[in-house]
């Protein structure tokens, strides 16, 4: 991961911790994390705040699609 990406991740982690009730922060963080488990956790947090979040629902659906070999 490049330095800029690490800085962005750190800033978003800070934002999420300071405003944990903001769905948008969780969605942004889901785009920055590296592992599928971290991504799913972020999306679940976004959905817990807004169960009708179209962006989070689409992202979860994309994660469920099988990847091509």
PDB file of N, CA and C in Angstrom:
ATOM      1  N   UNK A   1       0.852  -1.172   0.000  1.00  0.00           N
ATOM      2  CA  UNK A   1       0.000   0.000   0.000  1.00  0.00           C
ATOM      3  C   UNK A   1       0.901   1.239   0.000  1.00  0.00           C
ATOM      4  N   UNK A   2       0.586   2.176  -0.844  1.00  0.00           N
ATOM      5  CA  UNK A   2       1.366   3.418  -0.911  1.00  0.00           C
ATOM      6  C   UNK A   2       1.101   4.282   0.312  1.00  0.00           C
ATOM      7  N   UNK A   3       2.021   5.204   0.568  1.00  0.00           N
ATOM      8  CA  UNK A   3       1.906   6.094   1.722  1.00  0.00           C
ATOM      9  C   UNK A   3       0.620   6.889   1.725  1.00  0.00           C
ATOM     10  N   UNK A   4       0.221   7.385   0.546  1.00  0.00           N
ATOM     11  CA  UNK A   4      -1.020   8.172   0.460  1.00  0.00           C
ATOM     12  C   UNK A   4      -2.223   7.335   0.852  1.00  0.00           C
ATOM     13  N   UNK A   5      -2.241   6.077   0.394  1.00  0.00           N
ATOM     14  CA  UNK A   5      -3.366   5.207   0.725  1.00  0.00           C
ATOM     15  C   UNK A   5      -3.397   4.913   2.212  1.00  0.00           C
ATOM     16  N   UNK A   6      -2.222   4.694   2.821  1.00  0.00           N
ATOM     17  CA  UNK A   6      -2.163   4.453   4.260  1.00  0.00           C
ATOM     18  C   UNK A   6      -2.676   5.668   5.020  1.00  0.00           C
ATOM     19  N   UNK A   7      -2.303   6.854   4.572  1.00  0.00           N
ATOM     20  CA  UNK A   7      -2.759   8.078   5.235  1.00  0.00           C
ATOM     21  C   UNK A   7      -4.270   8.212   5.121  1.00  0.00           C
ATOM     22  N   UNK A   8      -4.802   7.918   3.941  1.00  0.00           N
ATOM     23  CA  UNK A   8      -6.246   7.989   3.738  1.00  0.00           C
ATOM     24  C   UNK A   8      -6.954   6.994   4.646  1.00  0.00           C
ATOM     25  N   UNK A   9      -6.434   5.784   4.711  1.00  0.00           N
ATOM     26  CA  UNK A   9      -7.048   4.770   5.565  1.00  0.00           C
ATOM     27  C   UNK A   9      -7.046   5.223   7.011  1.00  0.00           C
ATOM     28  N   UNK A  10      -5.922   5.768   7.461  1.00  0.00           N
ATOM     29  CA  UNK A  10      -5.828   6.228   8.847  1.00  0.00           C
ATOM     30  C   UNK A  10      -6.822   7.346   9.123  1.00  0.00           C
ATOM     31  N   UNK A  11      -6.978   8.261   8.176  1.00  0.00           N
ATOM     32  CA  UNK A  11      -7.933   9.360   8.355  1.00  0.00           C
ATOM     33  C   UNK A  11      -9.365   8.849   8.407  1.00  0.00           C
ATOM     34  N   UNK A  12      -9.701   7.906   7.547  1.00  0.00           N
ATOM     35  CA  UNK A  12     -11.060   7.369   7.567  1.00  0.00           C
ATOM     36  C   UNK A  12     -11.320   6.559   8.823  1.00  0.00           C
ATOM     37  N   UNK A  13     -10.297   5.833   9.290  1.00  0.00           N
ATOM     38  CA  UNK A  13     -10.469   5.093  10.548  1.00  0.00           C
ATOM     39  C   UNK A  13     -10.756   6.076  11.675  1.00  0.00           C
ATOM     40  N   UNK A  14     -10.047   7.181  11.697  1.00  0.00           N
ATOM     41  CA  UNK A  14     -10.275   8.206  12.712  1.00  0.00           C
ATOM     42  C   UNK A  14     -11.682   8.787  12.583  1.00  0.00           C
ATOM     43  N   UNK A  15     -12.101   9.050  11.365  1.00  0.00           N
ATOM     44  CA  UNK A  15     -13.441   9.604  11.142  1.00  0.00           C
ATOM     45  C   UNK A  15     -14.514   8.633  11.608  1.00  0.00           C
ATOM     46  N   UNK A  16     -14.321   7.362  11.328  1.00  0.00           N
ATOM     47  CA  UNK A  16     -15.304   6.365  11.741  1.00  0.00           C
ATOM     48  C   UNK A  16     -15.367   6.289  13.255  1.00  0.00           C
ATOM     49  N   UNK A  17     -14.221   6.332  13.908  1.00  0.00           N
ATOM     50  CA  UNK A  17     -14.225   6.274  15.368  1.00  0.00           C
ATOM     51  C   UNK A  17     -14.850   7.514  15.986  1.00  0.00           C
ATOM     52  N   UNK A  18     -14.694   8.657  15.344  1.00  0.00           N
ATOM     53  CA  UNK A  18     -15.250   9.895  15.896  1.00  0.00           C
ATOM     54  C   UNK A  18     -16.726  10.057  15.568  1.00  0.00           C
ATOM     55  N   UNK A  19     -17.148   9.561  14.437  1.00  0.00           N
ATOM     56  CA  UNK A  19     -18.562   9.692  14.041  1.00  0.00           C
ATOM     57  C   UNK A  19     -19.088   8.337  13.605  1.00  0.00           C
ATOM     58  N   UNK A  20     -19.069   7.389  14.515  1.00  0.00           N
ATOM     59  CA  UNK A  20     -19.418   6.013  14.205  1.00  0.00           C
ATOM     60  C   UNK A  20     -20.819   5.853  13.648  1.00  0.00           C
ATOM     61  N   UNK A  21     -21.635   6.858  13.768  1.00  0.00           N
ATOM     62  CA  UNK A  21     -23.012   6.749  13.301  1.00  0.00           C
ATOM     63  C   UNK A  21     -23.200   7.325  11.901  1.00  0.00           C
ATOM     64  N   UNK A  22     -22.132   7.475  11.153  1.00  0.00           N
ATOM     65  CA  UNK A  22     -22.245   8.011   9.796  1.00  0.00           C
ATOM     66  C   UNK A  22     -22.039   6.896   8.783  1.00  0.00           C
ATOM     67  N   UNK A  23     -23.101   6.518   8.135  1.00  0.00           N
ATOM     68  CA  UNK A  23     -23.077   5.442   7.140  1.00  0.00           C
ATOM     69  C   UNK A  23     -22.029   5.691   6.056  1.00  0.00           C
ATOM     70  N   UNK A  24     -21.895   6.946   5.621  1.00  0.00           N
ATOM     71  CA  UNK A  24     -20.946   7.268   4.545  1.00  0.00           C
ATOM     72  C   UNK A  24     -19.515   6.952   4.922  1.00  0.00           C
ATOM     73  N   UNK A  25     -19.147   7.168   6.169  1.00  0.00           N
ATOM     74  CA  UNK A  25     -17.791   6.837   6.607  1.00  0.00           C
ATOM     75  C   UNK A  25     -17.532   5.340   6.479  1.00  0.00           C
ATOM     76  N   UNK A  26     -18.508   4.534   6.873  1.00  0.00           N
ATOM     77  CA  UNK A  26     -18.342   3.086   6.767  1.00  0.00           C
ATOM     78  C   UNK A  26     -18.247   2.651   5.309  1.00  0.00           C
ATOM     79  N   UNK A  27     -19.008   3.287   4.435  1.00  0.00           N
ATOM     80  CA  UNK A  27     -18.942   2.946   3.014  1.00  0.00           C
ATOM     81  C   UNK A  27     -17.580   3.303   2.424  1.00  0.00           C
ATOM     82  N   UNK A  28     -17.049   4.460   2.778  1.00  0.00           N
ATOM     83  CA  UNK A  28     -15.718   4.857   2.310  1.00  0.00           C
ATOM     84  C   UNK A  28     -14.666   3.904   2.844  1.00  0.00           C
ATOM     85  N   UNK A  29     -14.776   3.578   4.112  1.00  0.00           N
ATOM     86  CA  UNK A  29     -13.792   2.683   4.704  1.00  0.00           C
ATOM     87  C   UNK A  29     -13.842   1.304   4.053  1.00  0.00           C
ATOM     88  N   UNK A  30     -15.024   0.865   3.680  1.00  0.00           N
ATOM     89  CA  UNK A  30     -15.164  -0.429   2.997  1.00  0.00           C
ATOM     90  C   UNK A  30     -14.380  -0.449   1.689  1.00  0.00           C
ATOM     91  N   UNK A  31     -14.236   0.691   1.057  1.00  0.00           N
ATOM     92  CA  UNK A  31     -13.476   0.770  -0.192  1.00  0.00           C
ATOM     93  C   UNK A  31     -11.969   0.776   0.045  1.00  0.00           C
ATOM     94  N   UNK A  32     -11.546   1.113   1.247  1.00  0.00           N
ATOM     95  CA  UNK A  32     -10.120   1.249   1.538  1.00  0.00           C
ATOM     96  C   UNK A  32      -9.489   0.016   2.167  1.00  0.00           C
ATOM     97  N   UNK A  33     -10.260  -0.770   2.883  1.00  0.00           N
ATOM     98  CA  UNK A  33      -9.683  -1.918   3.581  1.00  0.00           C
ATOM     99  C   UNK A  33      -9.235  -2.979   2.590  1.00  0.00           C
ATOM    100  N   UNK A  34      -8.348  -3.841   3.027  1.00  0.00           N
ATOM    101  CA  UNK A  34      -7.720  -4.796   2.123  1.00  0.00           C
ATOM    102  C   UNK A  34      -8.417  -6.148   2.076  1.00  0.00           C
ATOM    103  N   UNK A  35      -8.915  -6.624   3.190  1.00  0.00           N
ATOM    104  CA  UNK A  35      -9.453  -7.989   3.196  1.00  0.00           C
ATOM    105  C   UNK A  35     -10.965  -7.993   3.002  1.00  0.00           C
ATOM    106  N   UNK A  36     -11.469  -9.071   2.429  1.00  0.00           N
ATOM    107  CA  UNK A  36     -12.926  -9.202   2.264  1.00  0.00           C
ATOM    108  C   UNK A  36     -13.659  -9.191   3.615  1.00  0.00           C
ATOM    109  N   UNK A  37     -13.017  -9.728   4.646  1.00  0.00           N
ATOM    110  CA  UNK A  37     -13.652  -9.748   5.970  1.00  0.00           C
ATOM    111  C   UNK A  37     -13.811  -8.328   6.513  1.00  0.00           C
ATOM    112  N   UNK A  38     -12.780  -7.510   6.333  1.00  0.00           N
ATOM    113  CA  UNK A  38     -12.869  -6.121   6.792  1.00  0.00           C
ATOM    114  C   UNK A  38     -13.921  -5.369   5.989  1.00  0.00           C
ATOM    115  N   UNK A  39     -13.945  -5.614   4.685  1.00  0.00           N
ATOM    116  CA  UNK A  39     -14.921  -4.957   3.820  1.00  0.00           C
ATOM    117  C   UNK A  39     -16.342  -5.323   4.243  1.00  0.00           C
ATOM    118  N   UNK A  40     -16.574  -6.618   4.473  1.00  0.00           N
ATOM    119  CA  UNK A  40     -17.904  -7.065   4.889  1.00  0.00           C
ATOM    120  C   UNK A  40     -18.293  -6.421   6.224  1.00  0.00           C
ATOM    121  N   UNK A  41     -17.363  -6.349   7.163  1.00  0.00           N
ATOM    122  CA  UNK A  41     -17.646  -5.725   8.456  1.00  0.00           C
ATOM    123  C   UNK A  41     -18.089  -4.276   8.269  1.00  0.00           C
ATOM    124  N   UNK A  42     -17.355  -3.528   7.445  1.00  0.00           N
ATOM    125  CA  UNK A  42     -17.693  -2.118   7.204  1.00  0.00           C
ATOM    126  C   UNK A  42     -19.076  -1.995   6.577  1.00  0.00           C
ATOM    127  N   UNK A  43     -19.368  -2.859   5.622  1.00  0.00           N
ATOM    128  CA  UNK A  43     -20.675  -2.818   4.959  1.00  0.00           C
ATOM    129  C   UNK A  43     -21.793  -3.185   5.934  1.00  0.00           C
ATOM    130  N   UNK A  44     -21.527  -4.144   6.811  1.00  0.00           N
ATOM    131  CA  UNK A  44     -22.531  -4.507   7.817  1.00  0.00           C
ATOM    132  C   UNK A  44     -22.790  -3.342   8.768  1.00  0.00           C
ATOM    133  N   UNK A  45     -21.727  -2.602   9.107  1.00  0.00           N
ATOM    134  CA  UNK A  45     -21.906  -1.435   9.968  1.00  0.00           C
ATOM    135  C   UNK A  45     -22.754  -0.375   9.268  1.00  0.00           C
ATOM    136  N   UNK A  46     -22.481  -0.158   7.981  1.00  0.00           N
ATOM    137  CA  UNK A  46     -23.278   0.808   7.214  1.00  0.00           C
ATOM    138  C   UNK A  46     -24.739   0.372   7.171  1.00  0.00           C
ATOM    139  N   UNK A  47     -24.959  -0.926   6.958  1.00  0.00           N
ATOM    140  CA  UNK A  47     -26.335  -1.433   6.891  1.00  0.00           C
ATOM    141  C   UNK A  47     -27.022  -1.403   8.253  1.00  0.00           C
ATOM    142  N   UNK A  48     -26.263  -1.521   9.327  1.00  0.00           N
ATOM    143  CA  UNK A  48     -26.890  -1.434  10.648  1.00  0.00           C
ATOM    144  C   UNK A  48     -27.403  -0.019  10.903  1.00  0.00           C
ATOM    145  N   UNK A  49     -26.743   0.961  10.288  1.00  0.00           N
ATOM    146  CA  UNK A  49     -27.180   2.352  10.426  1.00  0.00           C
ATOM    147  C   UNK A  49     -28.305   2.692   9.456  1.00  0.00           C
ATOM    148  N   UNK A  50     -28.264   2.077   8.284  1.00  0.00           N
ATOM    149  CA  UNK A  50     -29.285   2.324   7.270  1.00  0.00           C
ATOM    150  C   UNK A  50     -29.537   1.027   6.512  1.00  0.00           C
ATOM    151  N   UNK A  51     -30.487   0.217   6.970  1.00  0.00           N
ATOM    152  CA  UNK A  51     -30.757  -1.075   6.331  1.00  0.00           C
ATOM    153  C   UNK A  51     -31.184  -0.969   4.868  1.00  0.00           C
ATOM    154  N   UNK A  52     -31.545   0.221   4.414  1.00  0.00           N
ATOM    155  CA  UNK A  52     -31.991   0.414   3.035  1.00  0.00           C
ATOM    156  C   UNK A  52     -30.932   1.089   2.167  1.00  0.00           C
ATOM    157  N   UNK A  53     -29.704   1.136   2.651  1.00  0.00           N
ATOM    158  CA  UNK A  53     -28.620   1.782   1.905  1.00  0.00           C
ATOM    159  C   UNK A  53     -28.376   1.051   0.589  1.00  0.00           C
ATOM    160  N   UNK A  54     -28.703   1.705  -0.496  1.00  0.00           N
ATOM    161  CA  UNK A  54     -28.526   1.088  -1.813  1.00  0.00           C
ATOM    162  C   UNK A  54     -27.055   0.789  -2.091  1.00  0.00           C
ATOM    163  N   UNK A  55     -26.176   1.697  -1.708  1.00  0.00           N
ATOM    164  CA  UNK A  55     -24.748   1.495  -1.959  1.00  0.00           C
ATOM    165  C   UNK A  55     -24.226   0.277  -1.206  1.00  0.00           C
ATOM    166  N   UNK A  56     -24.594   0.145   0.057  1.00  0.00           N
ATOM    167  CA  UNK A  56     -24.135  -0.992   0.858  1.00  0.00           C
ATOM    168  C   UNK A  56     -24.748  -2.294   0.353  1.00  0.00           C
ATOM    169  N   UNK A  57     -26.019  -2.268   0.007  1.00  0.00           N
ATOM    170  CA  UNK A  57     -26.675  -3.474  -0.506  1.00  0.00           C
ATOM    171  C   UNK A  57     -26.049  -3.930  -1.826  1.00  0.00           C
ATOM    172  N   UNK A  58     -25.726  -2.980  -2.700  1.00  0.00           N
ATOM    173  CA  UNK A  58     -25.066  -3.331  -3.972  1.00  0.00           C
ATOM    174  C   UNK A  58     -23.685  -3.925  -3.725  1.00  0.00           C
ATOM    175  N   UNK A  59     -22.948  -3.331  -2.797  1.00  0.00           N
ATOM    176  CA  UNK A  59     -21.596  -3.815  -2.505  1.00  0.00           C
ATOM    177  C   UNK A  59     -21.634  -5.226  -1.926  1.00  0.00           C
ATOM    178  N   UNK A  60     -22.582  -5.493  -1.046  1.00  0.00           N
ATOM    179  CA  UNK A  60     -22.714  -6.835  -0.476  1.00  0.00           C
ATOM    180  C   UNK A  60     -23.088  -7.824  -1.584  1.00  0.00           C
ATOM    181  N   UNK A  61     -23.978  -7.439  -2.472  1.00  0.00           N
ATOM    182  CA  UNK A  61     -24.370  -8.313  -3.580  1.00  0.00           C
ATOM    183  C   UNK A  61     -23.169  -8.622  -4.473  1.00  0.00           C
ATOM    184  N   UNK A  62     -22.312  -7.616  -4.732  1.00  0.00           N
ATOM    185  CA  UNK A  62     -21.114  -7.842  -5.538  1.00  0.00           C
ATOM    186  C   UNK A  62     -20.167  -8.821  -4.857  1.00  0.00           C
ATOM    187  N   UNK A  63     -20.097  -8.747  -3.548  1.00  0.00           N
ATOM    188  CA  UNK A  63     -19.216  -9.659  -2.808  1.00  0.00           C
ATOM    189  C   UNK A  63     -19.713 -11.095  -2.888  1.00  0.00           C
ATOM    190  N   UNK A  64     -20.995 -11.268  -3.038  1.00  0.00           N
ATOM    191  CA  UNK A  64     -21.586 -12.609  -3.102  1.00  0.00           C
ATOM    192  C   UNK A  64     -21.419 -13.274  -4.462  1.00  0.00           C
ATOM    193  N   UNK A  65     -21.190 -12.488  -5.498  1.00  0.00           N
ATOM    194  CA  UNK A  65     -21.033 -13.048  -6.839  1.00  0.00           C
ATOM    195  C   UNK A  65     -19.743 -13.867  -6.908  1.00  0.00           C
ATOM    196  N   UNK A  66     -19.830 -15.047  -7.503  1.00  0.00           N
ATOM    197  CA  UNK A  66     -18.606 -15.857  -7.622  1.00  0.00           C
ATOM    198  C   UNK A  66     -17.634 -15.207  -8.598  1.00  0.00           C
ATOM    199  N   UNK A  67     -16.351 -15.336  -8.299  1.00  0.00           N
ATOM    200  CA  UNK A  67     -15.339 -14.791  -9.193  1.00  0.00           C
ATOM    201  C   UNK A  67     -15.003 -15.804 -10.261  1.00  0.00           C
ATOM    202  N   UNK A  68     -14.621 -15.304 -11.419  1.00  0.00           N
ATOM    203  CA  UNK A  68     -14.262 -16.183 -12.529  1.00  0.00           C
ATOM    204  C   UNK A  68     -12.871 -16.761 -12.290  1.00  0.00           C
ATOM    205  N   UNK A  69     -12.675 -18.034 -12.609  1.00  0.00           N
ATOM    206  CA  UNK A  69     -11.355 -18.654 -12.403  1.00  0.00           C
ATOM    207  C   UNK A  69     -10.287 -18.099 -13.318  1.00  0.00           C
TER     208      UNK A  69
END
